[in-house]
């Protein structure tokens, strides 16, 4: 059963950001606040295959030859000295 929540002393900057986001998404302030809370508080389950696909997309977007395993290992060693 849905519950009512009243928020007090919301900083002006937070309220303004919420109001802009609600307008951009064509939602009420209440609906936007719920979406924001859900996105932060409710875990999302990502399939391992989707996580791997995202990692591969990120790697493919990097400039060619950068961030190879040997370069990453060298950077780690350099940071330890």
N, C-alpha and C. Protein backbone atom coordinates (compact mmCIF):
# COMPACT_ATOMS: atom_id res chain seq x y z
N UNK A 1 0.84 -1.16 0.00
CA UNK A 1 0.00 0.00 0.00
C UNK A 1 0.90 1.24 0.00
N UNK A 2 0.67 2.19 -0.90
CA UNK A 2 1.49 3.40 -0.94
C UNK A 2 1.39 4.18 0.36
N UNK A 3 2.48 4.82 0.71
CA UNK A 3 2.56 5.63 1.92
C UNK A 3 2.86 7.07 1.54
N UNK A 4 2.36 8.00 2.32
CA UNK A 4 2.60 9.41 2.08
C UNK A 4 3.83 9.84 2.88
N UNK A 5 4.66 10.68 2.25
CA UNK A 5 5.86 11.20 2.87
C UNK A 5 5.90 12.70 2.66
N UNK A 6 6.11 13.45 3.71
CA UNK A 6 6.23 14.90 3.61
C UNK A 6 7.69 15.26 3.86
N UNK A 7 8.27 16.04 2.97
CA UNK A 7 9.65 16.48 3.12
C UNK A 7 9.68 17.95 3.51
N UNK A 8 10.52 18.26 4.49
CA UNK A 8 10.63 19.64 4.95
C UNK A 8 12.07 20.11 4.77
N UNK A 9 12.23 21.41 4.67
CA UNK A 9 13.55 22.03 4.60
C UNK A 9 14.39 21.54 3.42
N UNK A 10 13.74 21.35 2.28
CA UNK A 10 14.45 20.96 1.07
C UNK A 10 15.27 22.16 0.60
N UNK A 11 16.57 21.99 0.39
CA UNK A 11 17.37 23.11 -0.09
C UNK A 11 16.84 23.62 -1.44
N UNK A 12 16.91 24.93 -1.63
CA UNK A 12 16.39 25.53 -2.86
C UNK A 12 16.99 24.91 -4.11
N UNK A 13 18.30 24.64 -4.07
CA UNK A 13 18.97 24.07 -5.25
C UNK A 13 18.43 22.68 -5.57
N UNK A 14 18.15 21.89 -4.55
CA UNK A 14 17.60 20.54 -4.76
C UNK A 14 16.19 20.64 -5.34
N UNK A 15 15.40 21.53 -4.77
CA UNK A 15 14.02 21.72 -5.25
C UNK A 15 14.03 22.19 -6.71
N UNK A 16 14.89 23.15 -7.01
CA UNK A 16 14.96 23.66 -8.38
C UNK A 16 15.38 22.57 -9.36
N UNK A 17 16.36 21.76 -8.97
CA UNK A 17 16.82 20.66 -9.83
C UNK A 17 15.71 19.64 -10.05
N UNK A 18 14.99 19.32 -8.98
CA UNK A 18 13.88 18.37 -9.09
C UNK A 18 12.79 18.92 -10.00
N UNK A 19 12.50 20.19 -9.85
CA UNK A 19 11.46 20.82 -10.67
C UNK A 19 11.86 20.81 -12.14
N UNK A 20 13.12 21.12 -12.44
CA UNK A 20 13.60 21.09 -13.83
C UNK A 20 13.56 19.67 -14.40
N UNK A 21 13.98 18.71 -13.59
CA UNK A 21 13.97 17.31 -14.05
C UNK A 21 12.54 16.84 -14.30
N UNK A 22 11.63 17.22 -13.43
CA UNK A 22 10.22 16.83 -13.60
C UNK A 22 9.67 17.41 -14.90
N UNK A 23 9.98 18.66 -15.16
CA UNK A 23 9.50 19.28 -16.40
C UNK A 23 10.13 18.61 -17.62
N UNK A 24 11.42 18.30 -17.55
CA UNK A 24 12.10 17.67 -18.67
C UNK A 24 11.54 16.28 -18.98
N UNK A 25 11.12 15.58 -17.93
CA UNK A 25 10.58 14.22 -18.10
C UNK A 25 9.06 14.20 -18.18
N UNK A 26 8.46 15.38 -18.15
CA UNK A 26 7.00 15.52 -18.21
C UNK A 26 6.31 14.74 -17.09
N UNK A 27 6.83 14.95 -15.87
CA UNK A 27 6.27 14.30 -14.68
C UNK A 27 5.91 15.36 -13.67
N UNK A 28 5.09 14.98 -12.71
CA UNK A 28 4.82 15.85 -11.57
C UNK A 28 6.05 15.82 -10.66
N UNK A 29 6.14 16.79 -9.76
CA UNK A 29 7.23 16.78 -8.78
C UNK A 29 7.22 15.49 -7.96
N UNK A 30 6.04 15.06 -7.57
CA UNK A 30 5.91 13.84 -6.78
C UNK A 30 6.44 12.63 -7.55
N UNK A 31 6.03 12.49 -8.80
CA UNK A 31 6.48 11.35 -9.61
C UNK A 31 7.98 11.39 -9.84
N UNK A 32 8.52 12.58 -10.08
CA UNK A 32 9.97 12.70 -10.29
C UNK A 32 10.73 12.34 -9.03
N UNK A 33 10.22 12.78 -7.88
CA UNK A 33 10.86 12.44 -6.61
C UNK A 33 10.86 10.93 -6.38
N UNK A 34 9.77 10.27 -6.70
CA UNK A 34 9.69 8.82 -6.54
C UNK A 34 10.69 8.13 -7.46
N UNK A 35 10.76 8.57 -8.72
CA UNK A 35 11.71 7.97 -9.67
C UNK A 35 13.14 8.16 -9.17
N UNK A 36 13.46 9.36 -8.67
CA UNK A 36 14.80 9.62 -8.15
C UNK A 36 15.12 8.71 -6.96
N UNK A 37 14.19 8.59 -6.05
CA UNK A 37 14.40 7.72 -4.88
C UNK A 37 14.56 6.26 -5.29
N UNK A 38 13.72 5.81 -6.21
CA UNK A 38 13.83 4.42 -6.67
C UNK A 38 15.17 4.15 -7.33
N UNK A 39 15.65 5.09 -8.12
CA UNK A 39 16.91 4.86 -8.83
C UNK A 39 18.09 4.76 -7.88
N UNK A 40 17.99 5.41 -6.73
CA UNK A 40 19.09 5.38 -5.77
C UNK A 40 18.94 4.23 -4.78
N UNK A 41 17.72 3.95 -4.37
CA UNK A 41 17.51 3.02 -3.26
C UNK A 41 17.21 1.58 -3.65
N UNK A 42 16.66 1.39 -4.83
CA UNK A 42 16.30 0.03 -5.23
C UNK A 42 17.37 -0.54 -6.15
N UNK A 43 17.94 -1.67 -5.77
CA UNK A 43 18.99 -2.25 -6.61
C UNK A 43 18.43 -2.74 -7.95
N UNK A 44 19.25 -2.61 -8.95
CA UNK A 44 18.87 -3.15 -10.26
C UNK A 44 19.72 -4.37 -10.53
N UNK A 45 19.11 -5.38 -11.04
CA UNK A 45 19.82 -6.61 -11.34
C UNK A 45 20.28 -6.56 -12.80
N UNK A 46 21.57 -6.71 -13.00
CA UNK A 46 22.13 -6.73 -14.34
C UNK A 46 22.70 -8.13 -14.58
N UNK A 47 22.30 -8.71 -15.69
CA UNK A 47 22.80 -10.03 -16.05
C UNK A 47 24.31 -9.93 -16.31
N UNK A 48 25.08 -10.95 -15.94
CA UNK A 48 26.52 -10.91 -16.21
C UNK A 48 26.84 -10.66 -17.68
N UNK A 49 26.05 -11.23 -18.58
CA UNK A 49 26.31 -11.03 -20.00
C UNK A 49 26.15 -9.56 -20.39
N UNK A 50 25.18 -8.87 -19.77
CA UNK A 50 24.98 -7.45 -20.06
C UNK A 50 26.13 -6.63 -19.50
N UNK A 51 26.61 -6.97 -18.31
CA UNK A 51 27.74 -6.27 -17.71
C UNK A 51 28.98 -6.42 -18.58
N UNK A 52 29.23 -7.63 -19.09
CA UNK A 52 30.38 -7.88 -19.96
C UNK A 52 30.23 -7.09 -21.26
N UNK A 53 29.02 -7.06 -21.81
CA UNK A 53 28.79 -6.31 -23.05
C UNK A 53 29.06 -4.82 -22.83
N UNK A 54 28.65 -4.28 -21.70
CA UNK A 54 28.91 -2.87 -21.39
C UNK A 54 30.41 -2.60 -21.28
N UNK A 55 31.12 -3.50 -20.61
CA UNK A 55 32.57 -3.35 -20.46
C UNK A 55 33.25 -3.38 -21.82
N UNK A 56 32.82 -4.26 -22.68
CA UNK A 56 33.40 -4.35 -24.03
C UNK A 56 33.11 -3.09 -24.84
N UNK A 57 31.91 -2.53 -24.70
CA UNK A 57 31.59 -1.28 -25.39
C UNK A 57 32.48 -0.14 -24.91
N UNK A 58 32.68 -0.07 -23.59
CA UNK A 58 33.55 0.97 -23.06
C UNK A 58 34.98 0.81 -23.55
N UNK A 59 35.47 -0.42 -23.56
CA UNK A 59 36.83 -0.68 -24.04
C UNK A 59 36.95 -0.32 -25.51
N UNK A 60 35.95 -0.66 -26.30
CA UNK A 60 35.99 -0.36 -27.74
C UNK A 60 35.99 1.15 -28.00
N UNK A 61 35.43 1.92 -27.09
CA UNK A 61 35.36 3.37 -27.27
C UNK A 61 36.68 4.06 -26.95
N UNK A 62 37.60 3.35 -26.30
CA UNK A 62 38.90 3.94 -25.96
C UNK A 62 39.77 4.05 -27.20
N UNK A 63 40.70 5.02 -27.21
CA UNK A 63 41.62 5.12 -28.34
C UNK A 63 42.43 3.83 -28.48
N UNK A 64 42.69 3.44 -29.72
CA UNK A 64 43.38 2.18 -30.00
C UNK A 64 44.75 2.16 -29.32
N UNK A 65 45.06 1.04 -28.70
CA UNK A 65 46.37 0.85 -28.10
C UNK A 65 46.51 1.36 -26.68
N UNK A 66 45.59 2.16 -26.22
CA UNK A 66 45.68 2.66 -24.85
C UNK A 66 44.98 1.71 -23.89
N UNK A 67 45.44 1.74 -22.68
CA UNK A 67 44.84 0.94 -21.61
C UNK A 67 44.92 -0.56 -21.89
N UNK A 68 46.08 -0.98 -22.38
CA UNK A 68 46.36 -2.40 -22.52
C UNK A 68 46.77 -2.93 -21.14
N UNK A 69 46.70 -4.23 -20.95
CA UNK A 69 46.99 -4.82 -19.64
C UNK A 69 48.40 -4.46 -19.17
N UNK A 70 49.40 -4.52 -20.06
CA UNK A 70 50.78 -4.22 -19.63
C UNK A 70 50.93 -2.75 -19.22
N UNK A 71 50.22 -1.86 -19.87
CA UNK A 71 50.27 -0.44 -19.50
C UNK A 71 49.62 -0.19 -18.15
N UNK A 72 48.53 -0.88 -17.89
CA UNK A 72 47.85 -0.73 -16.60
C UNK A 72 48.73 -1.27 -15.48
N UNK A 73 49.37 -2.43 -15.72
CA UNK A 73 50.28 -3.00 -14.72
C UNK A 73 51.45 -2.06 -14.46
N UNK A 74 52.00 -1.45 -15.50
CA UNK A 74 53.12 -0.52 -15.33
C UNK A 74 52.68 0.70 -14.52
N UNK A 75 51.48 1.22 -14.77
CA UNK A 75 50.99 2.36 -14.02
C UNK A 75 50.80 2.01 -12.55
N UNK A 76 50.32 0.80 -12.28
CA UNK A 76 50.17 0.38 -10.88
C UNK A 76 51.51 0.31 -10.18
N UNK A 77 52.51 -0.28 -10.86
CA UNK A 77 53.85 -0.39 -10.27
C UNK A 77 54.45 1.00 -10.03
N UNK A 78 54.23 1.91 -10.98
CA UNK A 78 54.78 3.26 -10.86
C UNK A 78 54.17 3.97 -9.66
N UNK A 79 52.91 3.77 -9.42
CA UNK A 79 52.25 4.42 -8.30
C UNK A 79 52.70 3.89 -6.95
N UNK A 80 53.31 2.75 -6.93
CA UNK A 80 53.74 2.14 -5.67
C UNK A 80 55.14 2.55 -5.27
N UNK A 81 55.89 3.13 -6.22
CA UNK A 81 57.28 3.46 -5.88
C UNK A 81 57.41 4.82 -5.24
